Amino acid sequence: MQKATSAEKRNELDELRNLVGSYSESADDNHVHLNLRGPDLTGDDAERAIDVLEEKTKYLPLKGNLTVMVDCDCGDLLDSSKKIKDSIRKQLIPLLYYVDLDLRRLSRVSVVLMIFGVLAMGTASLLSELSFNAYALHEILVIASWVFIWASVETFFFDRRRLKNKKHRLQRIYFADYVITDCQRENDSHSYAAKHF
């Protein structure tokens, strides 16, 4: 009984590895799928679509063109593609603006933290040169200087990088090619095929 259970587990794990492998092959071609009800998107619909696209493109390489396969039942596919693309682009502009604001803010914060760190280190050095014993204050200033300097480095190199990656993902979604796949036609052809087979 135990061997059958472990053999079943191995088979399930192998099946899962195969599914992940086949998914990775399809994910590497920079195509993502987006399900929509129709070509006319409200602001909230476009924001939700951007959230979905941002999540789906999170692990794709930032280089290369992105193609968004939009699954919806639309009439005129070319006109619908343009409407969807315009709606999403319109909602991306404010998002990109706020990401740029955050990048500038993080740059200013990291400079200010670095200045505080250097000032604390300079003050600690001056205290060590004085004749009276200010050992405790010296140590506090040394620790504070390293904390401020590390916070500056972390802000500048790590937090900004996360925001830059987000900006690149949003720009990639903005410049993506939007291709409509007509679900209604596909469903009709599948139901026609099902009737005849």
C-alpha atoms as a PDB file:
ATOM      1  CA  MET A   1       0.000   0.000   0.000  1.00  0.00           C
ATOM      2  CA  GLN A   2       2.836   2.373   0.901  1.00  0.00           C
ATOM      3  CA  LYS A   3       4.714   1.639  -2.364  1.00  0.00           C
ATOM      4  CA  ALA A   4       1.628   2.309  -4.451  1.00  0.00           C
ATOM      5  CA  THR A   5       1.182   5.650  -2.730  1.00  0.00           C
ATOM      6  CA  SER A   6       4.815   6.692  -3.299  1.00  0.00           C
ATOM      7  CA  ALA A   7       4.638   5.529  -6.934  1.00  0.00           C
ATOM      8  CA  GLU A   8       1.465   7.587  -7.406  1.00  0.00           C
ATOM      9  CA  LYS A   9       3.205  10.596  -5.850  1.00  0.00           C
ATOM     10  CA  ARG A  10       6.154  10.184  -8.232  1.00  0.00           C
ATOM     11  CA  ASN A  11       3.792   9.967 -11.191  1.00  0.00           C
ATOM     12  CA  GLU A  12       1.950  13.093 -10.039  1.00  0.00           C
ATOM     13  CA  LEU A  13       5.267  14.923  -9.613  1.00  0.00           C
ATOM     14  CA  ASP A  14       6.410  13.848 -13.086  1.00  0.00           C
ATOM     15  CA  GLU A  15       3.109  15.000 -14.545  1.00  0.00           C
ATOM     16  CA  LEU A  16       3.479  18.343 -12.761  1.00  0.00           C
ATOM     17  CA  ARG A  17       7.052  18.743 -14.084  1.00  0.00           C
ATOM     18  CA  ASN A  18       5.802  18.080 -17.615  1.00  0.00           C
ATOM     19  CA  LEU A  19       3.035  20.651 -17.220  1.00  0.00           C
ATOM     20  CA  VAL A  20       5.486  23.248 -15.872  1.00  0.00           C
ATOM     21  CA  GLY A  21       7.886  22.453 -18.732  1.00  0.00           C
ATOM     22  CA  SER A  22       5.202  22.886 -21.368  1.00  0.00           C
ATOM     23  CA  TYR A  23       4.074  26.132 -19.708  1.00  0.00           C
ATOM     24  CA  SER A  24       7.636  27.466 -19.676  1.00  0.00           C
ATOM     25  CA  GLU A  25       7.943  26.807 -23.409  1.00  0.00           C
ATOM     26  CA  SER A  26       4.767  28.783 -24.105  1.00  0.00           C
ATOM     27  CA  ALA A  27       5.756  31.567 -21.673  1.00  0.00           C
ATOM     28  CA  ASP A  28       9.119  32.097 -23.364  1.00  0.00           C
ATOM     29  CA  ASP A  29       7.530  33.361 -26.576  1.00  0.00           C
ATOM     30  CA  ASN A  30       6.472  36.685 -24.919  1.00  0.00           C
ATOM     31  CA  HIS A  31       2.766  36.086 -25.498  1.00  0.00           C
ATOM     32  CA  VAL A  32       0.262  36.653 -22.714  1.00  0.00           C
ATOM     33  CA  HIS A  33      -3.471  36.088 -22.773  1.00  0.00           C
ATOM     34  CA  LEU A  34      -6.067  38.548 -21.554  1.00  0.00           C
ATOM     35  CA  ASN A  35      -9.773  37.738 -21.254  1.00  0.00           C
ATOM     36  CA  LEU A  36     -12.179  40.630 -21.830  1.00  0.00           C
ATOM     37  CA  ARG A  37     -15.924  40.905 -22.271  1.00  0.00           C
ATOM     38  CA  GLY A  38     -15.826  43.367 -25.151  1.00  0.00           C
ATOM     39  CA  PRO A  39     -13.842  46.104 -26.867  1.00  0.00           C
ATOM     40  CA  ASP A  40     -15.321  48.985 -24.852  1.00  0.00           C
ATOM     41  CA  LEU A  41     -13.347  49.214 -21.613  1.00  0.00           C
ATOM     42  CA  THR A  42     -14.217  51.538 -18.775  1.00  0.00           C
ATOM     43  CA  GLY A  43     -11.394  53.030 -16.723  1.00  0.00           C
ATOM     44  CA  ASP A  44     -11.834  50.361 -14.051  1.00  0.00           C
ATOM     45  CA  ASP A  45     -11.814  47.572 -16.653  1.00  0.00           C
ATOM     46  CA  ALA A  46      -8.611  48.942 -18.185  1.00  0.00           C
ATOM     47  CA  GLU A  47      -6.970  49.201 -14.741  1.00  0.00           C
ATOM     48  CA  ARG A  48      -7.904  45.592 -13.976  1.00  0.00           C
ATOM     49  CA  ALA A  49      -6.546  44.555 -17.387  1.00  0.00           C
ATOM     50  CA  ILE A  50      -3.273  46.379 -16.621  1.00  0.00           C
ATOM     51  CA  ASP A  51      -3.031  44.618 -13.245  1.00  0.00           C
ATOM     52  CA  VAL A  52      -3.535  41.255 -14.942  1.00  0.00           C
ATOM     53  CA  LEU A  53      -0.992  42.053 -17.656  1.00  0.00           C
ATOM     54  CA  GLU A  54       1.515  43.317 -15.115  1.00  0.00           C
ATOM     55  CA  GLU A  55       1.155  40.107 -13.097  1.00  0.00           C
ATOM     56  CA  LYS A  56       1.431  37.901 -16.184  1.00  0.00           C
ATOM     57  CA  THR A  57       4.513  39.718 -17.507  1.00  0.00           C
ATOM     58  CA  LYS A  58       6.271  39.865 -14.132  1.00  0.00           C
ATOM     59  CA  TYR A  59       8.514  36.878 -14.855  1.00  0.00           C
ATOM     60  CA  LEU A  60       9.006  37.412 -18.577  1.00  0.00           C
ATOM     61  CA  PRO A  61      12.329  38.870 -19.712  1.00  0.00           C
ATOM     62  CA  LEU A  62      12.160  42.642 -20.125  1.00  0.00           C
ATOM     63  CA  LYS A  63      13.773  42.462 -23.558  1.00  0.00           C
ATOM     64  CA  GLY A  64      11.796  41.619 -26.643  1.00  0.00           C
ATOM     65  CA  ASN A  65       8.385  42.575 -27.900  1.00  0.00           C
ATOM     66  CA  LEU A  66       5.259  41.630 -26.013  1.00  0.00           C
ATOM     67  CA  THR A  67       2.139  40.328 -27.716  1.00  0.00           C
ATOM     68  CA  VAL A  68      -1.144  40.403 -25.809  1.00  0.00           C
ATOM     69  CA  MET A  69      -3.659  37.874 -27.073  1.00  0.00           C
ATOM     70  CA  VAL A  70      -7.044  39.369 -26.148  1.00  0.00           C
ATOM     71  CA  ASP A  71      -9.801  36.797 -25.885  1.00  0.00           C
ATOM     72  CA  CYS A  72     -13.159  38.501 -26.417  1.00  0.00           C
ATOM     73  CA  ASP A  73     -16.224  38.217 -28.575  1.00  0.00           C
ATOM     74  CA  CYS A  74     -15.889  41.352 -30.668  1.00  0.00           C
ATOM     75  CA  GLY A  75     -17.348  42.199 -34.026  1.00  0.00           C
ATOM     76  CA  ASP A  76     -14.714  44.123 -35.977  1.00  0.00           C
ATOM     77  CA  LEU A  77     -11.413  42.643 -34.820  1.00  0.00           C
ATOM     78  CA  LEU A  78      -9.155  45.441 -36.116  1.00  0.00           C
ATOM     79  CA  ASP A  79     -11.298  48.235 -34.654  1.00  0.00           C
ATOM     80  CA  SER A  80     -11.676  46.322 -31.362  1.00  0.00           C
ATOM     81  CA  SER A  81      -7.926  45.854 -31.103  1.00  0.00           C
ATOM     82  CA  LYS A  82      -7.381  49.599 -31.505  1.00  0.00           C
ATOM     83  CA  LYS A  83     -10.073  50.433 -28.902  1.00  0.00           C
ATOM     84  CA  ILE A  84      -8.633  48.030 -26.338  1.00  0.00           C
ATOM     85  CA  LYS A  85      -5.077  49.231 -26.947  1.00  0.00           C
ATOM     86  CA  ASP A  86      -6.132  52.894 -26.642  1.00  0.00           C
ATOM     87  CA  SER A  87      -8.085  52.246 -23.421  1.00  0.00           C
ATOM     88  CA  ILE A  88      -5.160  50.456 -21.799  1.00  0.00           C
ATOM     89  CA  ARG A  89      -2.662  53.086 -22.965  1.00  0.00           C
ATOM     90  CA  LYS A  90      -4.838  55.871 -21.566  1.00  0.00           C
ATOM     91  CA  GLN A  91      -4.780  54.228 -18.114  1.00  0.00           C
ATOM     92  CA  LEU A  92      -1.034  53.510 -18.298  1.00  0.00           C
ATOM     93  CA  ILE A  93      -0.021  57.174 -18.653  1.00  0.00           C
ATOM     94  CA  PRO A  94      -0.929  58.169 -15.062  1.00  0.00           C
ATOM     95  CA  LEU A  95       0.677  54.981 -13.720  1.00  0.00           C
ATOM     96  CA  LEU A  96       3.923  55.784 -15.513  1.00  0.00           C
ATOM     97  CA  TYR A  97       3.759  59.358 -14.229  1.00  0.00           C
ATOM     98  CA  TYR A  98       3.465  58.199 -10.612  1.00  0.00           C
ATOM     99  CA  VAL A  99       6.264  55.675 -11.028  1.00  0.00           C
ATOM    100  CA  ASP A 100       8.477  58.505 -12.332  1.00  0.00           C
ATOM    101  CA  LEU A 101       7.507  60.611  -9.312  1.00  0.00           C
ATOM    102  CA  ASP A 102       8.425  57.762  -6.977  1.00  0.00           C
ATOM    103  CA  LEU A 103      11.784  57.319  -8.730  1.00  0.00           C
ATOM    104  CA  ARG A 104      12.622  61.000  -8.284  1.00  0.00           C
ATOM    105  CA  ARG A 105      11.481  60.894  -4.655  1.00  0.00           C
ATOM    106  CA  LEU A 106      13.646  57.854  -3.918  1.00  0.00           C
ATOM    107  CA  SER A 107      16.656  59.570  -5.483  1.00  0.00           C
ATOM    108  CA  ARG A 108      16.176  62.607  -3.248  1.00  0.00           C
ATOM    109  CA  VAL A 109      15.640  60.464  -0.148  1.00  0.00           C
ATOM    110  CA  SER A 110      18.795  58.440  -0.819  1.00  0.00           C
ATOM    111  CA  VAL A 111      20.870  61.636  -1.227  1.00  0.00           C
ATOM    112  CA  VAL A 112      19.485  63.088   2.026  1.00  0.00           C
ATOM    113  CA  LEU A 113      20.176  59.833   3.907  1.00  0.00           C
ATOM    114  CA  MET A 114      23.721  59.750   2.558  1.00  0.00           C
ATOM    115  CA  ILE A 115      24.287  63.353   3.697  1.00  0.00           C
ATOM    116  CA  PHE A 116      23.027  62.527   7.203  1.00  0.00           C
ATOM    117  CA  GLY A 117      25.270  59.458   7.297  1.00  0.00           C
ATOM    118  CA  VAL A 118      28.362  61.395   6.239  1.00  0.00           C
ATOM    119  CA  LEU A 119      27.592  64.200   8.711  1.00  0.00           C
ATOM    120  CA  ALA A 120      27.162  61.699  11.552  1.00  0.00           C
ATOM    121  CA  MET A 121      30.438  60.007  10.613  1.00  0.00           C
ATOM    122  CA  GLY A 122      32.235  63.366  10.434  1.00  0.00           C
ATOM    123  CA  THR A 123      30.850  64.387  13.822  1.00  0.00           C
ATOM    124  CA  ALA A 124      31.965  61.068  15.316  1.00  0.00           C
ATOM    125  CA  SER A 125      35.447  61.618  13.930  1.00  0.00           C
ATOM    126  CA  LEU A 126      35.561  65.112  15.425  1.00  0.00           C
ATOM    127  CA  LEU A 127      34.454  63.771  18.815  1.00  0.00           C
ATOM    128  CA  SER A 128      37.240  61.223  18.822  1.00  0.00           C
ATOM    129  CA  GLU A 129      39.785  63.999  18.310  1.00  0.00           C
ATOM    130  CA  LEU A 130      38.550  66.091  21.256  1.00  0.00           C
ATOM    131  CA  SER A 131      40.292  65.861  24.598  1.00  0.00           C
ATOM    132  CA  PHE A 132      37.232  65.063  26.709  1.00  0.00           C
ATOM    133  CA  ASN A 133      35.918  61.514  26.745  1.00  0.00           C
ATOM    134  CA  ALA A 134      32.732  61.188  24.675  1.00  0.00           C
ATOM    135  CA  TYR A 135      33.051  57.483  23.915  1.00  0.00           C
ATOM    136  CA  ALA A 136      29.328  56.640  24.146  1.00  0.00           C
ATOM    137  CA  LEU A 137      28.298  59.550  21.911  1.00  0.00           C
ATOM    138  CA  HIS A 138      31.061  58.639  19.459  1.00  0.00           C
ATOM    139  CA  GLU A 139      29.819  55.045  19.197  1.00  0.00           C
ATOM    140  CA  ILE A 140      26.196  56.152  18.798  1.00  0.00           C
ATOM    141  CA  LEU A 141      27.179  58.501  15.964  1.00  0.00           C
ATOM    142  CA  VAL A 142      29.255  55.804  14.237  1.00  0.00           C
ATOM    143  CA  ILE A 143      26.344  53.363  14.362  1.00  0.00           C
ATOM    144  CA  ALA A 144      23.897  56.045  13.201  1.00  0.00           C
ATOM    145  CA  SER A 145      26.194  56.998  10.315  1.00  0.00           C
ATOM    146  CA  TRP A 146      26.345  53.404   9.070  1.00  0.00           C
ATOM    147  CA  VAL A 147      22.578  53.029   9.416  1.00  0.00           C
ATOM    148  CA  PHE A 148      21.976  56.173   7.352  1.00  0.00           C
ATOM    149  CA  ILE A 149      24.564  55.190   4.755  1.00  0.00           C
ATOM    150  CA  TRP A 150      23.108  51.678   4.421  1.00  0.00           C
ATOM    151  CA  ALA A 151      19.557  53.058   4.144  1.00  0.00           C
ATOM    152  CA  SER A 152      20.776  55.370   1.386  1.00  0.00           C
ATOM    153  CA  VAL A 153      22.431  52.521  -0.511  1.00  0.00           C
ATOM    154  CA  GLU A 154      19.392  50.277  -0.079  1.00  0.00           C
ATOM    155  CA  THR A 155      17.034  52.987  -1.284  1.00  0.00           C
ATOM    156  CA  PHE A 156      19.139  53.957  -4.267  1.00  0.00           C
ATOM    157  CA  PHE A 157      20.138  50.527  -5.514  1.00  0.00           C
ATOM    158  CA  PHE A 158      17.340  48.196  -4.430  1.00  0.00           C
ATOM    159  CA  ASP A 159      14.101  50.188  -4.096  1.00  0.00           C
ATOM    160  CA  ARG A 160      14.809  52.185  -7.248  1.00  0.00           C
ATOM    161  CA  ARG A 161      15.588  48.993  -9.155  1.00  0.00           C
ATOM    162  CA  ARG A 162      12.217  47.510  -8.208  1.00  0.00           C
ATOM    163  CA  LEU A 163      10.484  50.669  -9.428  1.00  0.00           C
ATOM    164  CA  LYS A 164      12.552  50.759 -12.620  1.00  0.00           C
ATOM    165  CA  ASN A 165      11.542  47.179 -13.355  1.00  0.00           C
ATOM    166  CA  LYS A 166       7.902  48.143 -12.819  1.00  0.00           C
ATOM    167  CA  LYS A 167       8.343  51.100 -15.161  1.00  0.00           C
ATOM    168  CA  HIS A 168       9.866  48.844 -17.839  1.00  0.00           C
ATOM    169  CA  ARG A 169       6.994  46.370 -17.481  1.00  0.00           C
ATOM    170  CA  LEU A 170       4.421  49.160 -17.822  1.00  0.00           C
ATOM    171  CA  GLN A 171       6.231  50.588 -20.844  1.00  0.00           C
ATOM    172  CA  ARG A 172       6.329  47.145 -22.365  1.00  0.00           C
ATOM    173  CA  ILE A 173       2.573  46.777 -21.894  1.00  0.00           C
ATOM    174  CA  TYR A 174       2.108  50.241 -23.430  1.00  0.00           C
ATOM    175  CA  PHE A 175       4.048  49.299 -26.576  1.00  0.00           C
ATOM    176  CA  ALA A 176       2.687  45.744 -26.800  1.00  0.00           C
ATOM    177  CA  ASP A 177       0.934  44.412 -29.864  1.00  0.00           C
ATOM    178  CA  TYR A 178      -2.704  43.609 -29.122  1.00  0.00           C
ATOM    179  CA  VAL A 179      -4.173  40.755 -31.127  1.00  0.00           C
ATOM    180  CA  ILE A 180      -7.850  39.910 -30.789  1.00  0.00           C
ATOM    181  CA  THR A 181      -8.834  36.268 -30.824  1.00  0.00           C
ATOM    182  CA  ASP A 182     -12.570  36.046 -31.385  1.00  0.00           C
ATOM    183  CA  CYS A 183     -13.896  33.637 -28.764  1.00  0.00           C
ATOM    184  CA  GLN A 184     -17.390  33.619 -30.282  1.00  0.00           C
ATOM    185  CA  ARG A 185     -16.083  32.420 -33.638  1.00  0.00           C
ATOM    186  CA  GLU A 186     -13.842  29.834 -31.970  1.00  0.00           C
ATOM    187  CA  ASN A 187     -16.773  28.574 -29.866  1.00  0.00           C
ATOM    188  CA  ASP A 188     -18.994  28.379 -32.978  1.00  0.00           C
ATOM    189  CA  SER A 189     -16.352  26.401 -34.878  1.00  0.00           C
ATOM    190  CA  HIS A 190     -15.855  24.060 -31.890  1.00  0.00           C
ATOM    191  CA  SER A 191     -19.606  23.530 -31.547  1.00  0.00           C
ATOM    192  CA  TYR A 192     -19.847  22.954 -35.336  1.00  0.00           C
ATOM    193  CA  ALA A 193     -17.018  20.444 -35.139  1.00  0.00           C
ATOM    194  CA  ALA A 194     -18.638  18.796 -32.124  1.00  0.00           C
ATOM    195  CA  LYS A 195     -21.909  18.443 -34.031  1.00  0.00           C
ATOM    196  CA  HIS A 196     -20.219  16.802 -36.987  1.00  0.00           C
ATOM    197  CA  PHE A 197     -17.944  14.386 -35.129  1.00  0.00           C
END
